[in-house]
Amino acid sequence: MIKKKVLIIGAVWVEPNSSAAGSRMLQLMELFLKQKATIIFATTTQKTEKAFDLKAIGIDEVSIELNSSSFDAFVKELNPTIVIFDRFMMEEQFGWRVAENCPNAIRILDTEDLHCLRKVREESIKKQEDFTIEKLLNSGIAKREIAAIYRCDLSLIISTFEMELLESVFKIDKRILHHIPFLLDRIEQKDIKRWKPFQDRNHFTIIGNFLHAPNVDAVLLLKKIIWKQIRNQLPNTELHIYGAYASQQILELHNKEEGFLVKGYTTNPIEIVKNSKVVLAPLRFGAGIKGKLTEAMLCGTPSVTTTI
């Protein structure tokens, strides 16, 4: 049996403690490692201290350049069996180079979530308009993302909603789509027994990467409207806000008197969630599956969110 060689072209370095996208990418890597594949992770971005040490699990790390023929030489010599593009933007930038230099490589797009769906929902919120399928179909980002899906041999889709949308609205053949949600172990009775009782938990929490617009919007909504209403009924409770890459705008929301506490980055989000009474997620737009709600489920922590 020929050993698979998998090249993953990442939009960013893998940061599982910073975002659900980072956790998702690590799960996909573990799938290929179980199949004894050789994995090479390449990205154009600068490595941060929050990045997961891929070398520790046997994955090679490579820096690549945008718009450079050096990538052509690199990918031709590597000659991967499979190339995975992390989000459609990576396919736009490197897909044609892969096709030219490694025509036999299987090209897979990991959408993470449908960016066009999230962006059109965001624009609708900003313009105070209803989201419509017509707006989605007419959006420039949808045309780009769907084009990337058509150029690839297979696209990985995280939610059943997005699978249905791509098949029924965009009329994409389901043979080039594969539904693969978060890869998590089933919650067993032994796990439930380890959950901390509700009465032993403290406070509300929200965790989210602040480079992600829906998370910024959710925290601003909590500050302006929701938290005051909760605090009026529970004057001694606090809201603990965690997340990587908090901007000055977010940091300045910190107010101890209001119990609105911006805590910043955490290396162990699960530990935070399992000790919290409630996870708040007032998300007004987005796509995919929400990592913060999944974490809450894994910890037996109640979560409150929106119909979206």
Protein backbone atom coordinates (compact mmCIF):
# COMPACT_ATOMS: atom_id res chain seq x y z
CA MET A 1 0.00 0.00 0.00
CA ILE A 2 1.40 3.39 -1.03
CA LYS A 3 1.68 5.83 1.86
CA LYS A 4 -0.43 8.96 1.40
CA LYS A 5 1.34 12.32 1.39
CA VAL A 6 -1.06 15.09 2.47
CA LEU A 7 -0.26 18.78 1.99
CA ILE A 8 -2.48 21.13 3.99
CA ILE A 9 -2.36 24.79 2.95
CA GLY A 10 -3.53 26.71 5.99
CA ALA A 11 -5.03 30.19 6.08
CA VAL A 12 -3.47 30.59 9.55
CA TRP A 13 -1.42 28.49 11.98
CA VAL A 14 -3.43 25.89 13.89
CA GLU A 15 -4.59 27.36 17.23
CA PRO A 16 -7.09 24.92 18.81
CA ASN A 17 -7.40 27.01 21.99
CA SER A 18 -8.17 30.17 20.00
CA SER A 19 -10.94 29.03 17.67
CA ALA A 20 -13.23 26.19 16.68
CA ALA A 21 -11.59 26.32 13.23
CA GLY A 22 -8.25 25.46 14.85
CA SER A 23 -9.79 22.49 16.70
CA ARG A 24 -11.46 21.34 13.49
CA MET A 25 -8.20 21.39 11.53
CA LEU A 26 -6.44 19.39 14.25
CA GLN A 27 -9.23 16.79 14.13
CA LEU A 28 -8.79 16.40 10.35
CA MET A 29 -5.04 16.01 10.78
CA GLU A 30 -5.59 13.27 13.38
CA LEU A 31 -7.81 11.43 10.87
CA PHE A 32 -4.98 11.29 8.34
CA LEU A 33 -2.40 10.40 11.00
CA LYS A 34 -4.52 7.38 11.93
CA GLN A 35 -4.22 6.31 8.28
CA LYS A 36 -0.40 6.54 8.60
CA ALA A 37 -0.26 9.44 6.13
CA THR A 38 2.67 11.85 5.95
CA ILE A 39 1.32 15.35 6.62
CA ILE A 40 2.92 18.66 5.69
CA PHE A 41 1.30 21.86 6.93
CA ALA A 42 2.16 25.00 4.95
CA THR A 43 1.04 28.58 5.50
CA THR A 44 2.00 32.11 4.49
CA THR A 45 1.28 33.58 7.94
CA GLN A 46 3.63 34.32 10.83
CA LYS A 47 3.68 31.74 13.61
CA THR A 48 2.41 32.96 17.00
CA GLU A 49 3.00 31.72 20.53
CA LYS A 50 -0.58 30.38 20.52
CA ALA A 51 0.14 28.01 17.61
CA PHE A 52 -0.08 24.26 18.24
CA ASP A 53 3.24 22.41 17.99
CA LEU A 54 2.50 20.24 14.97
CA LYS A 55 6.01 18.79 14.94
CA ALA A 56 5.24 17.20 18.33
CA ILE A 57 2.66 14.94 16.62
CA GLY A 58 4.80 14.20 13.60
CA ILE A 59 3.60 16.87 11.15
CA ASP A 60 6.10 18.90 9.14
CA GLU A 61 5.72 22.70 9.16
CA VAL A 62 6.62 24.77 6.09
CA SER A 63 6.45 28.50 5.35
CA ILE A 64 5.32 29.40 1.84
CA GLU A 65 5.04 32.66 -0.07
CA LEU A 66 2.08 34.21 -1.86
CA ASN A 67 2.33 34.90 -5.60
CA SER A 68 5.73 33.23 -5.80
CA SER A 69 7.10 30.64 -8.21
CA SER A 70 8.97 29.18 -5.21
CA PHE A 71 5.69 27.43 -4.31
CA ASP A 72 5.62 25.79 -7.76
CA ALA A 73 9.05 24.25 -7.20
CA PHE A 74 8.12 23.24 -3.63
CA VAL A 75 4.85 21.49 -4.51
CA LYS A 76 6.30 19.81 -7.61
CA GLU A 77 9.15 18.29 -5.61
CA LEU A 78 6.82 17.32 -2.74
CA ASN A 79 4.36 15.69 -5.19
CA PRO A 80 1.53 15.22 -2.65
CA THR A 81 -1.21 12.60 -3.03
CA ILE A 82 -3.80 14.95 -1.50
CA VAL A 83 -3.87 18.75 -1.10
CA ILE A 84 -6.28 20.28 1.41
CA PHE A 85 -7.09 23.99 1.17
CA ASP A 86 -8.06 25.59 4.47
CA ARG A 87 -10.92 27.91 3.39
CA PHE A 88 -11.73 28.93 -0.17
CA MET A 89 -9.24 31.85 -0.18
CA MET A 90 -6.35 29.39 -0.02
CA GLU A 91 -7.79 27.50 -2.99
CA GLU A 92 -8.03 30.76 -4.95
CA GLN A 93 -4.38 31.58 -4.24
CA PHE A 94 -2.77 28.17 -4.60
CA GLY A 95 -5.26 25.84 -6.33
CA TRP A 96 -4.19 26.69 -9.87
CA ARG A 97 -0.53 26.22 -8.98
CA VAL A 98 -1.29 22.79 -7.51
CA ALA A 99 -3.31 21.87 -10.64
CA GLU A 100 -0.44 22.88 -12.95
CA ASN A 101 2.39 21.22 -11.02
CA CYS A 102 0.62 18.21 -9.48
CA PRO A 103 -2.26 17.37 -11.84
CA ASN A 104 -2.81 13.95 -10.25
CA ALA A 105 -3.19 15.25 -6.69
CA ILE A 106 -6.66 15.05 -5.17
CA ARG A 107 -7.74 18.58 -4.24
CA ILE A 108 -9.98 18.95 -1.18
CA LEU A 109 -11.53 22.18 0.09
CA ASP A 110 -12.17 22.39 3.82
CA THR A 111 -14.73 25.20 3.90
CA GLU A 112 -14.60 25.49 7.76
CA ASP A 113 -17.99 27.15 7.37
CA LEU A 114 -19.67 28.78 4.39
CA HIS A 115 -18.08 32.22 4.39
CA CYS A 116 -20.65 33.59 1.95
CA LEU A 117 -23.50 32.62 4.30
CA ARG A 118 -21.84 34.31 7.27
CA LYS A 119 -20.91 37.46 5.31
CA VAL A 120 -24.37 37.99 3.76
CA ARG A 121 -26.00 37.47 7.18
CA GLU A 122 -23.58 40.05 8.62
CA GLU A 123 -24.33 42.57 5.86
CA SER A 124 -28.07 42.11 6.44
CA ILE A 125 -27.64 42.84 10.16
CA LYS A 126 -25.57 45.96 9.43
CA LYS A 127 -28.15 47.25 6.95
CA GLN A 128 -31.03 46.22 9.25
CA GLU A 129 -32.51 44.13 6.47
CA ASP A 130 -33.84 40.59 6.36
CA PHE A 131 -31.51 37.89 5.11
CA THR A 132 -32.73 36.42 1.81
CA ILE A 133 -31.55 33.63 -0.48
CA GLU A 134 -31.59 36.13 -3.36
CA LYS A 135 -28.98 38.28 -1.56
CA LEU A 136 -26.85 35.17 -1.07
CA LEU A 137 -27.07 34.14 -4.71
CA ASN A 138 -26.13 37.64 -5.87
CA SER A 139 -23.18 38.12 -3.52
CA GLY A 140 -19.67 38.29 -4.95
CA ILE A 141 -18.22 36.17 -2.15
CA ALA A 142 -20.74 33.39 -2.87
CA LYS A 143 -19.65 33.29 -6.51
CA ARG A 144 -16.01 33.00 -5.43
CA GLU A 145 -16.69 30.30 -2.83
CA ILE A 146 -18.89 28.21 -5.12
CA ALA A 147 -16.28 28.48 -7.89
CA ALA A 148 -13.65 27.11 -5.47
CA ILE A 149 -15.97 24.20 -4.61
CA TYR A 150 -16.37 23.37 -8.32
CA ARG A 151 -12.60 23.49 -8.92
CA CYS A 152 -11.95 20.92 -6.17
CA ASP A 153 -12.54 17.18 -6.27
CA LEU A 154 -14.27 17.26 -2.89
CA SER A 155 -15.42 19.86 -0.35
CA LEU A 156 -15.82 19.20 3.36
CA ILE A 157 -19.00 20.74 4.80
CA ILE A 158 -19.46 21.04 8.55
CA SER A 159 -23.25 21.43 8.94
CA THR A 160 -26.35 19.73 7.57
CA PHE A 161 -27.85 23.19 6.96
CA GLU A 162 -24.97 24.09 4.64
CA MET A 163 -25.17 20.73 2.86
CA GLU A 164 -28.86 21.37 2.14
CA LEU A 165 -28.14 24.94 1.05
CA LEU A 166 -25.43 23.90 -1.41
CA GLU A 167 -27.55 21.11 -2.89
CA SER A 168 -30.92 22.85 -3.08
CA VAL A 169 -30.02 26.52 -3.66
CA PHE A 170 -26.66 26.34 -5.47
CA LYS A 171 -27.54 23.02 -7.18
CA ILE A 172 -24.16 21.45 -6.43
CA ASP A 173 -23.89 17.70 -7.00
CA LYS A 174 -23.72 16.06 -3.58
CA ARG A 175 -21.07 13.65 -4.91
CA ILE A 176 -18.47 16.44 -4.59
CA LEU A 177 -19.64 17.38 -1.07
CA HIS A 178 -18.93 15.49 2.14
CA HIS A 179 -20.67 16.27 5.44
CA ILE A 180 -18.15 16.02 8.27
CA PRO A 181 -19.09 17.77 11.54
CA PHE A 182 -16.82 18.14 14.57
CA LEU A 183 -15.20 14.78 15.29
CA LEU A 184 -15.98 14.28 18.96
CA ASP A 185 -16.37 11.27 21.20
CA ARG A 186 -19.87 10.39 22.31
CA ILE A 187 -20.77 11.72 25.77
CA GLU A 188 -21.01 8.62 27.98
CA GLN A 189 -22.57 8.17 31.41
CA LYS A 190 -19.10 8.19 33.00
CA ASP A 191 -18.52 11.66 31.47
CA ILE A 192 -21.84 12.95 32.81
CA LYS A 193 -20.95 11.73 36.31
CA ARG A 194 -17.80 13.88 36.19
CA TRP A 195 -19.71 17.07 35.42
CA LYS A 196 -19.70 19.59 38.22
CA PRO A 197 -23.18 20.06 39.81
CA PHE A 198 -24.91 23.28 38.79
CA GLN A 199 -24.95 24.62 42.36
CA ASP A 200 -21.13 24.30 42.54
CA ARG A 201 -20.56 26.38 39.44
CA ASN A 202 -20.14 30.15 39.22
CA HIS A 203 -21.08 32.96 36.84
CA PHE A 204 -21.82 33.32 33.13
CA THR A 205 -19.19 33.04 30.41
CA ILE A 206 -18.60 33.62 26.71
CA ILE A 207 -15.51 32.41 24.85
CA GLY A 208 -14.61 33.34 21.28
CA ASN A 209 -11.80 34.46 19.00
CA PHE A 210 -12.09 38.25 18.54
CA LEU A 211 -10.73 38.16 15.01
CA HIS A 212 -14.12 36.60 14.24
CA ALA A 213 -16.74 39.33 13.66
CA PRO A 214 -19.76 37.42 15.11
CA ASN A 215 -17.97 37.15 18.48
CA VAL A 216 -17.24 40.89 18.60
CA ASP A 217 -20.87 41.64 17.76
CA ALA A 218 -22.09 39.22 20.46
CA VAL A 219 -19.99 40.83 23.21
CA LEU A 220 -21.10 44.34 22.18
CA LEU A 221 -24.73 43.16 22.28
CA LEU A 222 -24.18 41.74 25.78
CA LYS A 223 -22.69 45.03 26.93
CA LYS A 224 -25.34 47.30 25.42
CA ILE A 225 -28.52 45.33 26.12
CA ILE A 226 -28.46 41.82 27.55
CA TRP A 227 -26.10 41.93 30.52
CA LYS A 228 -27.94 44.80 32.23
CA GLN A 229 -31.15 42.77 32.19
CA ILE A 230 -29.44 39.71 33.67
CA ARG A 231 -27.60 41.79 36.26
CA ASN A 232 -30.84 43.45 37.40
CA GLN A 233 -32.20 40.03 38.34
CA LEU A 234 -28.87 38.56 39.57
CA PRO A 235 -26.94 41.51 41.03
CA ASN A 236 -24.07 39.40 42.40
CA THR A 237 -23.31 37.39 39.27
CA GLU A 238 -20.52 38.12 36.79
CA LEU A 239 -19.92 37.65 33.08
CA HIS A 240 -16.44 36.33 32.28
CA ILE A 241 -15.36 37.07 28.70
CA TYR A 242 -12.52 34.99 27.24
CA GLY A 243 -10.95 34.96 23.81
CA ALA A 244 -7.80 35.38 21.77
CA TYR A 245 -6.89 38.64 20.01
CA ALA A 246 -9.16 40.99 21.95
CA SER A 247 -9.03 44.49 20.44
CA GLN A 248 -8.83 47.71 22.44
CA GLN A 249 -12.56 48.14 21.80
CA ILE A 250 -13.25 44.85 23.63
CA LEU A 251 -10.71 45.45 26.42
CA GLU A 252 -12.29 48.82 27.22
CA LEU A 253 -15.65 47.15 27.92
CA HIS A 254 -14.22 45.67 31.15
CA ASN A 255 -16.16 47.03 34.15
CA LYS A 256 -15.76 45.40 37.54
CA GLU A 257 -18.70 47.28 39.09
CA GLU A 258 -21.03 45.90 36.41
CA GLY A 259 -19.57 42.40 36.76
CA PHE A 260 -18.57 42.60 33.08
CA LEU A 261 -15.05 41.13 33.15
CA VAL A 262 -12.84 40.82 30.06
CA LYS A 263 -10.42 38.04 30.97
CA GLY A 264 -8.60 37.61 27.64
CA TYR A 265 -6.98 34.50 26.18
CA THR A 266 -7.22 31.12 27.92
CA THR A 267 -5.16 28.02 27.19
CA ASN A 268 -7.89 25.78 28.60
CA PRO A 269 -11.39 26.85 27.47
CA ILE A 270 -12.94 23.52 28.56
CA GLU A 271 -11.82 24.14 32.15
CA ILE A 272 -13.53 27.56 32.10
CA VAL A 273 -16.78 26.23 30.64
CA LYS A 274 -17.09 23.27 33.00
CA ASN A 275 -16.91 25.62 35.99
CA SER A 276 -19.44 28.12 34.58
CA LYS A 277 -23.16 28.13 35.34
CA VAL A 278 -24.23 29.28 31.86
CA VAL A 279 -22.58 29.94 28.47
CA LEU A 280 -24.01 33.00 26.71
CA ALA A 281 -23.84 33.13 22.91
CA PRO A 282 -26.04 35.94 21.51
CA LEU A 283 -24.87 35.41 17.92
CA ARG A 284 -26.76 37.45 15.34
CA PHE A 285 -24.92 36.08 12.32
CA GLY A 286 -22.55 33.26 11.47
CA ALA A 287 -22.38 29.85 9.80
CA GLY A 288 -21.10 26.35 10.41
CA ILE A 289 -21.24 24.82 13.89
CA LYS A 290 -20.47 26.89 16.97
CA GLY A 291 -17.47 25.69 18.96
CA LYS A 292 -18.65 27.54 22.08
CA LEU A 293 -21.96 25.66 22.09
CA THR A 294 -20.22 22.34 21.46
CA GLU A 295 -17.86 23.00 24.39
CA ALA A 296 -20.86 23.73 26.59
CA MET A 297 -22.43 20.39 25.62
CA LEU A 298 -19.20 18.53 26.39
CA CYS A 299 -19.18 20.08 29.87
CA GLY A 300 -22.89 19.71 30.63
CA THR A 301 -23.13 23.50 30.83
CA PRO A 302 -26.44 25.16 29.84
CA SER A 303 -26.10 27.59 26.93
CA VAL A 304 -28.36 30.41 25.75
CA THR A 305 -28.15 31.51 22.15
CA THR A 306 -30.23 32.86 19.27
CA THR A 307 -32.47 31.22 16.66
CA ILE A 308 -29.74 31.72 14.04
